[in-house]
Amino acid sequence: MTLWLLNHLNTFTLGLVLVGGFVALAVLGSLAARRRFPHLAGGEHNEMVGVALGMFGAIYGIILAFVVVTLWTQLENTQTVVATEATDLALVVRSSEAFPPADRARVERAVGDYAHAVVEVQWPLMRQGEPSYEATARQTHAMYTALQAYEPVGARSETFYQEAATHLNDVAAQRRARITMAETALPVLLQVLVYGGALVILPLTFLFGLRSLRMQLLFVSAVAGLIGFSLLLVMVLDRPFAGELSVTPAPYKEAALAQFWPAS
């Protein structure tokens, strides 16, 4: 459900739905509570409710801060992995420039096929939360085969061949790391704490009585809006390859890899 929302709604619309939904729920819940229990407006339970809100709010805030920082770090790490894989791929191309024309062409063709497979086949699968090693397995093997078919002659050729082989090994390692990150999601227990905590704190605000209905609604709306925006942030950051704020495959089309893509 989360992936569908991220891939079919832009961030602004998703924010309106989530934050607006929480605010609407808070307003309707507060009105219902005041109608069902009119004495709440007198604030006779405010001391007890204030203590509960303060305690639950502090615990929930710590959990939410931990989750957001963790997910933000995960997003940055994913961007680094993608950029590193693309850089190593480009360096394989650069190193192959020292090869004879036929061997160079063979390596470049294999690298180009891999770049296209990552962007056109594997990336859509990662956006759907279904990453597949097989999507680029054949192209990865083809790059190794193309490089191994070349027999370097002389110190210069040997040096560039070793550089190409080293960077190709790094590509394989970063590929595995990227696919692993595409499979990663917030653990179920943390999801229960984050989303369940919101459903615990929000109803507590209905019990905090204020004589002015306008001030009451403003209070619960502010709390609901803050919770809704926090959950939006968690939802967007939890899936690094889905949604508008996701990691893009742009690095596979830049620098030395741009030659494999038609000029736009």
C-alpha atoms as a PDB file:
ATOM      1  CA  MET A   1       0.000   0.000   0.000  1.00  0.00           C
ATOM      2  CA  THR A   2       2.805   2.403   0.926  1.00  0.00           C
ATOM      3  CA  LEU A   3       4.677   1.724  -2.316  1.00  0.00           C
ATOM      4  CA  TRP A   4       1.501   2.252  -4.346  1.00  0.00           C
ATOM      5  CA  LEU A   5       0.870   5.617  -2.694  1.00  0.00           C
ATOM      6  CA  LEU A   6       4.471   6.753  -3.178  1.00  0.00           C
ATOM      7  CA  ASN A   7       4.535   5.718  -6.846  1.00  0.00           C
ATOM      8  CA  HIS A   8       1.104   7.071  -7.802  1.00  0.00           C
ATOM      9  CA  LEU A   9       0.820  10.278  -5.754  1.00  0.00           C
ATOM     10  CA  ASN A  10       3.253  13.171  -5.692  1.00  0.00           C
ATOM     11  CA  THR A  11       4.605  14.296  -2.331  1.00  0.00           C
ATOM     12  CA  PHE A  12       2.319  17.335  -2.126  1.00  0.00           C
ATOM     13  CA  THR A  13      -0.817  15.266  -2.744  1.00  0.00           C
ATOM     14  CA  LEU A  14       0.345  12.577  -0.343  1.00  0.00           C
ATOM     15  CA  GLY A  15       0.945  15.278   2.267  1.00  0.00           C
ATOM     16  CA  LEU A  16      -2.539  16.682   1.777  1.00  0.00           C
ATOM     17  CA  VAL A  17      -4.060  13.230   2.164  1.00  0.00           C
ATOM     18  CA  LEU A  18      -2.045  12.185   5.208  1.00  0.00           C
ATOM     19  CA  VAL A  19      -1.785  15.473   7.108  1.00  0.00           C
ATOM     20  CA  GLY A  20      -5.280  16.553   6.099  1.00  0.00           C
ATOM     21  CA  GLY A  21      -6.652  13.175   7.134  1.00  0.00           C
ATOM     22  CA  PHE A  22      -5.091  13.402  10.579  1.00  0.00           C
ATOM     23  CA  VAL A  23      -6.342  16.956  11.087  1.00  0.00           C
ATOM     24  CA  ALA A  24      -9.852  16.002   9.968  1.00  0.00           C
ATOM     25  CA  LEU A  25      -9.803  12.977  12.276  1.00  0.00           C
ATOM     26  CA  ALA A  26      -8.662  15.171  15.168  1.00  0.00           C
ATOM     27  CA  VAL A  27     -11.373  17.775  14.589  1.00  0.00           C
ATOM     28  CA  LEU A  28     -14.149  15.208  14.225  1.00  0.00           C
ATOM     29  CA  GLY A  29     -12.908  13.224  17.214  1.00  0.00           C
ATOM     30  CA  SER A  30     -12.701  16.337  19.392  1.00  0.00           C
ATOM     31  CA  LEU A  31     -16.202  17.444  18.416  1.00  0.00           C
ATOM     32  CA  ALA A  32     -17.567  13.967  19.108  1.00  0.00           C
ATOM     33  CA  ALA A  33     -15.842  13.828  22.503  1.00  0.00           C
ATOM     34  CA  ARG A  34     -17.230  17.236  23.546  1.00  0.00           C
ATOM     35  CA  ARG A  35     -20.717  16.249  22.454  1.00  0.00           C
ATOM     36  CA  ARG A  36     -20.581  12.884  24.206  1.00  0.00           C
ATOM     37  CA  PHE A  37     -18.891  14.226  27.351  1.00  0.00           C
ATOM     38  CA  PRO A  38     -19.803  17.934  27.730  1.00  0.00           C
ATOM     39  CA  HIS A  39     -18.045  18.188  31.091  1.00  0.00           C
ATOM     40  CA  LEU A  40     -14.649  17.815  29.322  1.00  0.00           C
ATOM     41  CA  ALA A  41     -14.869  21.487  28.318  1.00  0.00           C
ATOM     42  CA  GLY A  42     -14.457  22.403  31.971  1.00  0.00           C
ATOM     43  CA  GLY A  43     -10.934  20.979  31.977  1.00  0.00           C
ATOM     44  CA  GLU A  44     -11.406  18.900  35.123  1.00  0.00           C
ATOM     45  CA  HIS A  45      -9.171  16.145  33.722  1.00  0.00           C
ATOM     46  CA  ASN A  46      -6.551  18.441  32.202  1.00  0.00           C
ATOM     47  CA  GLU A  47      -3.923  17.753  34.860  1.00  0.00           C
ATOM     48  CA  MET A  48      -4.061  14.000  34.374  1.00  0.00           C
ATOM     49  CA  VAL A  49      -4.315  14.292  30.582  1.00  0.00           C
ATOM     50  CA  GLY A  50      -1.413  16.772  30.515  1.00  0.00           C
ATOM     51  CA  VAL A  51       0.834  14.341  32.394  1.00  0.00           C
ATOM     52  CA  ALA A  52      -0.118  11.491  30.061  1.00  0.00           C
ATOM     53  CA  LEU A  53       0.405  13.627  26.950  1.00  0.00           C
ATOM     54  CA  GLY A  54       3.767  14.807  28.222  1.00  0.00           C
ATOM     55  CA  MET A  55       4.959  11.298  29.008  1.00  0.00           C
ATOM     56  CA  PHE A  56       3.712   9.654  25.823  1.00  0.00           C
ATOM     57  CA  GLY A  57       4.781  12.656  23.738  1.00  0.00           C
ATOM     58  CA  ALA A  58       8.358  12.511  25.053  1.00  0.00           C
ATOM     59  CA  ILE A  59       8.663   8.769  24.420  1.00  0.00           C
ATOM     60  CA  TYR A  60       7.073   9.052  20.983  1.00  0.00           C
ATOM     61  CA  GLY A  61       9.263  12.011  20.063  1.00  0.00           C
ATOM     62  CA  ILE A  62      12.436  10.081  20.891  1.00  0.00           C
ATOM     63  CA  ILE A  63      11.281   7.070  18.857  1.00  0.00           C
ATOM     64  CA  LEU A  64      10.271   9.274  15.927  1.00  0.00           C
ATOM     65  CA  ALA A  65      13.565  11.182  15.965  1.00  0.00           C
ATOM     66  CA  PHE A  66      15.511   7.915  15.980  1.00  0.00           C
ATOM     67  CA  VAL A  67      13.497   6.549  13.058  1.00  0.00           C
ATOM     68  CA  VAL A  68      13.791   9.724  10.955  1.00  0.00           C
ATOM     69  CA  VAL A  69      17.558  10.015  11.489  1.00  0.00           C
ATOM     70  CA  THR A  70      18.022   6.323  10.679  1.00  0.00           C
ATOM     71  CA  LEU A  71      15.956   6.548   7.499  1.00  0.00           C
ATOM     72  CA  TRP A  72      17.682   9.764   6.383  1.00  0.00           C
ATOM     73  CA  THR A  73      21.072   8.102   6.878  1.00  0.00           C
ATOM     74  CA  GLN A  74      19.827   5.101   4.896  1.00  0.00           C
ATOM     75  CA  LEU A  75      18.759   7.377   2.038  1.00  0.00           C
ATOM     76  CA  GLU A  76      22.145   9.111   1.968  1.00  0.00           C
ATOM     77  CA  ASN A  77      23.943   5.755   2.023  1.00  0.00           C
ATOM     78  CA  THR A  78      21.797   4.528  -0.867  1.00  0.00           C
ATOM     79  CA  GLN A  79      22.649   7.625  -2.906  1.00  0.00           C
ATOM     80  CA  THR A  80      26.338   7.027  -2.180  1.00  0.00           C
ATOM     81  CA  VAL A  81      26.122   3.379  -3.260  1.00  0.00           C
ATOM     82  CA  VAL A  82      24.402   4.305  -6.543  1.00  0.00           C
ATOM     83  CA  ALA A  83      26.911   7.072  -7.282  1.00  0.00           C
ATOM     84  CA  THR A  84      29.849   4.789  -6.444  1.00  0.00           C
ATOM     85  CA  GLU A  85      28.556   1.989  -8.673  1.00  0.00           C
ATOM     86  CA  ALA A  86      28.099   4.396 -11.588  1.00  0.00           C
ATOM     87  CA  THR A  87      31.551   5.893 -10.994  1.00  0.00           C
ATOM     88  CA  ASP A  88      33.225   2.481 -10.978  1.00  0.00           C
ATOM     89  CA  LEU A  89      31.324   1.592 -14.145  1.00  0.00           C
ATOM     90  CA  ALA A  90      32.586   4.776 -15.819  1.00  0.00           C
ATOM     91  CA  LEU A  91      36.143   3.993 -14.704  1.00  0.00           C
ATOM     92  CA  VAL A  92      35.935   0.583 -16.372  1.00  0.00           C
ATOM     93  CA  VAL A  93      35.148   2.435 -19.594  1.00  0.00           C
ATOM     94  CA  ARG A  94      38.010   4.890 -19.034  1.00  0.00           C
ATOM     95  CA  SER A  95      40.491   2.105 -18.333  1.00  0.00           C
ATOM     96  CA  SER A  96      39.417   0.199 -21.452  1.00  0.00           C
ATOM     97  CA  GLU A  97      40.467   3.161 -23.602  1.00  0.00           C
ATOM     98  CA  ALA A  98      44.002   1.779 -23.399  1.00  0.00           C
ATOM     99  CA  PHE A  99      42.876  -1.517 -24.979  1.00  0.00           C
ATOM    100  CA  PRO A 100      43.037  -2.310 -28.718  1.00  0.00           C
ATOM    101  CA  PRO A 101      39.935  -1.075 -30.614  1.00  0.00           C
ATOM    102  CA  ALA A 102      38.212  -4.468 -30.848  1.00  0.00           C
ATOM    103  CA  ASP A 103      38.701  -5.262 -27.151  1.00  0.00           C
ATOM    104  CA  ARG A 104      37.711  -1.757 -26.136  1.00  0.00           C
ATOM    105  CA  ALA A 105      34.509  -1.970 -28.195  1.00  0.00           C
ATOM    106  CA  ARG A 106      33.637  -5.317 -26.622  1.00  0.00           C
ATOM    107  CA  VAL A 107      34.040  -3.959 -23.075  1.00  0.00           C
ATOM    108  CA  GLU A 108      32.101  -0.771 -23.859  1.00  0.00           C
ATOM    109  CA  ARG A 109      29.260  -2.745 -25.393  1.00  0.00           C
ATOM    110  CA  ALA A 110      29.014  -4.928 -22.280  1.00  0.00           C
ATOM    111  CA  VAL A 111      29.086  -1.888 -19.975  1.00  0.00           C
ATOM    112  CA  GLY A 112      26.420  -0.147 -22.058  1.00  0.00           C
ATOM    113  CA  ASP A 113      24.169  -3.207 -21.903  1.00  0.00           C
ATOM    114  CA  TYR A 114      24.597  -3.312 -18.120  1.00  0.00           C
ATOM    115  CA  ALA A 115      23.770   0.385 -17.710  1.00  0.00           C
ATOM    116  CA  HIS A 116      20.604  -0.004 -19.777  1.00  0.00           C
ATOM    117  CA  ALA A 117      19.572  -3.113 -17.824  1.00  0.00           C
ATOM    118  CA  VAL A 118      19.993  -1.286 -14.511  1.00  0.00           C
ATOM    119  CA  VAL A 119      17.989   1.773 -15.568  1.00  0.00           C
ATOM    120  CA  GLU A 120      15.320   0.179 -17.764  1.00  0.00           C
ATOM    121  CA  VAL A 121      14.785  -3.207 -16.124  1.00  0.00           C
ATOM    122  CA  GLN A 122      16.092  -3.303 -12.575  1.00  0.00           C
ATOM    123  CA  TRP A 123      15.117   0.229 -11.504  1.00  0.00           C
ATOM    124  CA  PRO A 124      11.357  -0.198 -12.124  1.00  0.00           C
ATOM    125  CA  LEU A 125      11.493  -3.429 -10.114  1.00  0.00           C
ATOM    126  CA  MET A 126      13.192  -1.644  -7.219  1.00  0.00           C
ATOM    127  CA  ARG A 127      10.535   1.091  -7.317  1.00  0.00           C
ATOM    128  CA  GLN A 128       7.916  -1.619  -6.858  1.00  0.00           C
ATOM    129  CA  GLY A 129       9.842  -3.139  -3.952  1.00  0.00           C
ATOM    130  CA  GLU A 130      10.683  -6.265  -5.949  1.00  0.00           C
ATOM    131  CA  PRO A 131      14.418  -6.023  -6.728  1.00  0.00           C
ATOM    132  CA  SER A 132      15.869  -8.919  -8.673  1.00  0.00           C
ATOM    133  CA  TYR A 133      19.477 -10.048  -8.971  1.00  0.00           C
ATOM    134  CA  GLU A 134      18.559 -11.868 -12.164  1.00  0.00           C
ATOM    135  CA  ALA A 135      17.565  -8.598 -13.866  1.00  0.00           C
ATOM    136  CA  THR A 136      21.239  -7.727 -14.418  1.00  0.00           C
ATOM    137  CA  ALA A 137      22.917 -11.103 -13.843  1.00  0.00           C
ATOM    138  CA  ARG A 138      23.495 -11.809 -17.531  1.00  0.00           C
ATOM    139  CA  GLN A 139      24.884  -8.318 -18.182  1.00  0.00           C
ATOM    140  CA  THR A 140      27.212  -8.552 -15.167  1.00  0.00           C
ATOM    141  CA  HIS A 141      28.596 -11.849 -16.405  1.00  0.00           C
ATOM    142  CA  ALA A 142      28.986 -10.376 -19.889  1.00  0.00           C
ATOM    143  CA  MET A 143      31.178  -7.549 -18.533  1.00  0.00           C
ATOM    144  CA  TYR A 144      33.489 -10.065 -16.862  1.00  0.00           C
ATOM    145  CA  THR A 145      33.589 -12.167 -20.008  1.00  0.00           C
ATOM    146  CA  ALA A 146      34.450  -9.140 -22.172  1.00  0.00           C
ATOM    147  CA  LEU A 147      37.246  -8.086 -19.839  1.00  0.00           C
ATOM    148  CA  GLN A 148      38.675 -11.583 -19.410  1.00  0.00           C
ATOM    149  CA  ALA A 149      38.822 -12.047 -23.199  1.00  0.00           C
ATOM    150  CA  TYR A 150      41.516  -9.359 -23.406  1.00  0.00           C
ATOM    151  CA  GLU A 151      45.127 -10.444 -22.899  1.00  0.00           C
ATOM    152  CA  PRO A 152      47.235  -7.399 -21.907  1.00  0.00           C
ATOM    153  CA  VAL A 153      50.649  -7.022 -23.459  1.00  0.00           C
ATOM    154  CA  GLY A 154      53.220  -4.793 -21.797  1.00  0.00           C
ATOM    155  CA  ALA A 155      53.331  -2.908 -18.490  1.00  0.00           C
ATOM    156  CA  ARG A 156      50.992  -0.121 -19.636  1.00  0.00           C
ATOM    157  CA  SER A 157      48.274  -2.483 -20.809  1.00  0.00           C
ATOM    158  CA  GLU A 158      48.686  -4.591 -17.699  1.00  0.00           C
ATOM    159  CA  THR A 159      48.199  -1.560 -15.444  1.00  0.00           C
ATOM    160  CA  PHE A 160      44.990  -0.431 -17.126  1.00  0.00           C
ATOM    161  CA  TYR A 161      43.707  -3.998 -17.245  1.00  0.00           C
ATOM    162  CA  GLN A 162      44.198  -4.359 -13.488  1.00  0.00           C
ATOM    163  CA  GLU A 163      42.438  -1.013 -12.925  1.00  0.00           C
ATOM    164  CA  ALA A 164      39.488  -2.130 -15.049  1.00  0.00           C
ATOM    165  CA  ALA A 165      39.268  -5.466 -13.233  1.00  0.00           C
ATOM    166  CA  THR A 166      39.389  -3.760  -9.828  1.00  0.00           C
ATOM    167  CA  HIS A 167      36.629  -1.309 -10.712  1.00  0.00           C
ATOM    168  CA  LEU A 168      34.509  -4.086 -12.205  1.00  0.00           C
ATOM    169  CA  ASN A 169      34.748  -6.020  -8.944  1.00  0.00           C
ATOM    170  CA  ASP A 170      33.645  -2.851  -7.138  1.00  0.00           C
ATOM    171  CA  VAL A 171      30.676  -2.557  -9.513  1.00  0.00           C
ATOM    172  CA  ALA A 172      29.586  -6.076  -8.566  1.00  0.00           C
ATOM    173  CA  ALA A 173      29.909  -5.267  -4.862  1.00  0.00           C
ATOM    174  CA  GLN A 174      27.938  -2.008  -5.133  1.00  0.00           C
ATOM    175  CA  ARG A 175      25.295  -3.765  -7.232  1.00  0.00           C
ATOM    176  CA  ARG A 176      24.687  -6.216  -4.413  1.00  0.00           C
ATOM    177  CA  ALA A 177      24.575  -3.409  -1.848  1.00  0.00           C
ATOM    178  CA  ARG A 178      22.081  -1.436  -3.977  1.00  0.00           C
ATOM    179  CA  ILE A 179      19.731  -4.395  -4.371  1.00  0.00           C
ATOM    180  CA  THR A 180      19.960  -5.152  -0.651  1.00  0.00           C
ATOM    181  CA  MET A 181      18.991  -1.557   0.171  1.00  0.00           C
ATOM    182  CA  ALA A 182      16.031  -1.805  -2.207  1.00  0.00           C
ATOM    183  CA  GLU A 183      14.770  -4.751  -0.150  1.00  0.00           C
ATOM    184  CA  THR A 184      15.178  -2.939   3.168  1.00  0.00           C
ATOM    185  CA  ALA A 185      12.161  -1.469   4.945  1.00  0.00           C
ATOM    186  CA  LEU A 186      11.353  -0.241   8.438  1.00  0.00           C
ATOM    187  CA  PRO A 187      11.059  -3.275  10.776  1.00  0.00           C
ATOM    188  CA  VAL A 188       7.516  -4.240  11.748  1.00  0.00           C
ATOM    189  CA  LEU A 189       8.046  -3.433  15.429  1.00  0.00           C
ATOM    190  CA  LEU A 190       9.199   0.093  14.602  1.00  0.00           C
ATOM    191  CA  GLN A 191       6.254   0.521  12.239  1.00  0.00           C
ATOM    192  CA  VAL A 192       3.926  -0.453  15.081  1.00  0.00           C
ATOM    193  CA  LEU A 193       5.612   2.040  17.417  1.00  0.00           C
ATOM    194  CA  VAL A 194       5.569   4.876  14.875  1.00  0.00           C
ATOM    195  CA  TYR A 195       2.070   4.467  13.458  1.00  0.00           C
ATOM    196  CA  GLY A 196       0.511   2.948  16.575  1.00  0.00           C
ATOM    197  CA  GLY A 197       1.989   5.688  18.758  1.00  0.00           C
ATOM    198  CA  ALA A 198       0.248   8.309  16.653  1.00  0.00           C
ATOM    199  CA  LEU A 199      -3.078   6.535  17.171  1.00  0.00           C
ATOM    200  CA  VAL A 200      -2.475   6.572  20.948  1.00  0.00           C
ATOM    201  CA  ILE A 201      -1.452  10.205  21.308  1.00  0.00           C
ATOM    202  CA  LEU A 202      -4.102  11.723  19.043  1.00  0.00           C
ATOM    203  CA  PRO A 203      -7.154  10.495  21.029  1.00  0.00           C
ATOM    204  CA  LEU A 204      -5.551  11.780  24.234  1.00  0.00           C
ATOM    205  CA  THR A 205      -5.815  15.321  22.872  1.00  0.00           C
ATOM    206  CA  PHE A 206      -9.602  14.915  22.699  1.00  0.00           C
ATOM    207  CA  LEU A 207      -9.666  14.681  26.498  1.00  0.00           C
ATOM    208  CA  PHE A 208      -7.790  17.940  27.058  1.00  0.00           C
ATOM    209  CA  GLY A 209     -10.645  20.364  27.690  1.00  0.00           C
ATOM    210  CA  LEU A 210     -10.758  24.062  26.789  1.00  0.00           C
ATOM    211  CA  ARG A 211     -13.816  26.240  27.255  1.00  0.00           C
ATOM    212  CA  SER A 212     -13.342  27.820  23.825  1.00  0.00           C
ATOM    213  CA  LEU A 213     -14.284  25.363  21.085  1.00  0.00           C
ATOM    214  CA  ARG A 214     -12.164  27.295  18.613  1.00  0.00           C
ATOM    215  CA  MET A 215      -9.072  27.004  20.795  1.00  0.00           C
ATOM    216  CA  GLN A 216      -9.813  23.324  21.391  1.00  0.00           C
ATOM    217  CA  LEU A 217      -9.947  22.609  17.674  1.00  0.00           C
ATOM    218  CA  LEU A 218      -6.832  24.685  17.045  1.00  0.00           C
ATOM    219  CA  PHE A 219      -4.952  22.704  19.687  1.00  0.00           C
ATOM    220  CA  VAL A 220      -5.910  19.245  18.410  1.00  0.00           C
ATOM    221  CA  SER A 221      -5.375  20.322  14.779  1.00  0.00           C
ATOM    222  CA  ALA A 222      -1.849  21.530  15.527  1.00  0.00           C
ATOM    223  CA  VAL A 223      -0.926  18.258  17.236  1.00  0.00           C
ATOM    224  CA  ALA A 224      -2.537  16.196  14.466  1.00  0.00           C
ATOM    225  CA  GLY A 225      -0.784  18.216  11.753  1.00  0.00           C
ATOM    226  CA  LEU A 226       2.609  17.713  13.384  1.00  0.00           C
ATOM    227  CA  ILE A 227       2.014  13.964  13.757  1.00  0.00           C
ATOM    228  CA  GLY A 228       0.741  13.670  10.187  1.00  0.00           C
ATOM    229  CA  PHE A 229       3.752  15.506   8.745  1.00  0.00           C
ATOM    230  CA  SER A 230       6.128  13.347  10.793  1.00  0.00           C
ATOM    231  CA  LEU A 231       4.491  10.180   9.479  1.00  0.00           C
ATOM    232  CA  LEU A 232       4.705  11.570   5.950  1.00  0.00           C
ATOM    233  CA  LEU A 233       8.440  12.047   6.424  1.00  0.00           C
ATOM    234  CA  VAL A 234       8.826   8.483   7.694  1.00  0.00           C
ATOM    235  CA  MET A 235       6.806   7.097   4.777  1.00  0.00           C
ATOM    236  CA  VAL A 236       8.804   9.014   2.149  1.00  0.00           C
ATOM    237  CA  LEU A 237      12.211   8.162   3.605  1.00  0.00           C
ATOM    238  CA  ASP A 238      11.416   4.499   4.263  1.00  0.00           C
ATOM    239  CA  ARG A 239      11.520   3.577   0.553  1.00  0.00           C
ATOM    240  CA  PRO A 240      14.668   5.080  -1.061  1.00  0.00           C
ATOM    241  CA  PHE A 241      13.723   3.969  -4.593  1.00  0.00           C
ATOM    242  CA  ALA A 242      10.018   4.934  -4.578  1.00  0.00           C
ATOM    243  CA  GLY A 243       8.283   8.298  -4.718  1.00  0.00           C
ATOM    244  CA  GLU A 244       9.355  11.774  -5.763  1.00  0.00           C
ATOM    245  CA  LEU A 245      12.205  12.019  -3.255  1.00  0.00           C
ATOM    246  CA  SER A 246      13.697   8.691  -4.291  1.00  0.00           C
ATOM    247  CA  VAL A 247      17.213   7.960  -5.508  1.00  0.00           C
ATOM    248  CA  THR A 248      17.353   8.381  -9.288  1.00  0.00           C
ATOM    249  CA  PRO A 249      19.352   6.409 -11.892  1.00  0.00           C
ATOM    250  CA  ALA A 250      20.797   9.649 -13.321  1.00  0.00           C
ATOM    251  CA  PRO A 251      24.442   8.729 -12.429  1.00  0.00           C
ATOM    252  CA  TYR A 252      24.257   5.839 -14.942  1.00  0.00           C
ATOM    253  CA  LYS A 253      23.692   8.361 -17.724  1.00  0.00           C
ATOM    254  CA  GLU A 254      26.432  10.839 -16.882  1.00  0.00           C
ATOM    255  CA  ALA A 255      30.130  11.352 -17.612  1.00  0.00           C
ATOM    256  CA  ALA A 256      31.718   8.418 -19.482  1.00  0.00           C
ATOM    257  CA  LEU A 257      28.390   6.538 -19.411  1.00  0.00           C
ATOM    258  CA  ALA A 258      26.552   9.278 -21.348  1.00  0.00           C
ATOM    259  CA  GLN A 259      27.795   7.773 -24.635  1.00  0.00           C
ATOM    260  CA  PHE A 260      25.451   4.821 -24.118  1.00  0.00           C
ATOM    261  CA  TRP A 261      22.355   7.015 -24.098  1.00  0.00           C
ATOM    262  CA  PRO A 262      20.876   9.030 -26.988  1.00  0.00           C
ATOM    263  CA  ALA A 263      21.290  12.761 -26.618  1.00  0.00           C
ATOM    264  CA  SER A 264      18.039  14.386 -25.469  1.00  0.00           C
END
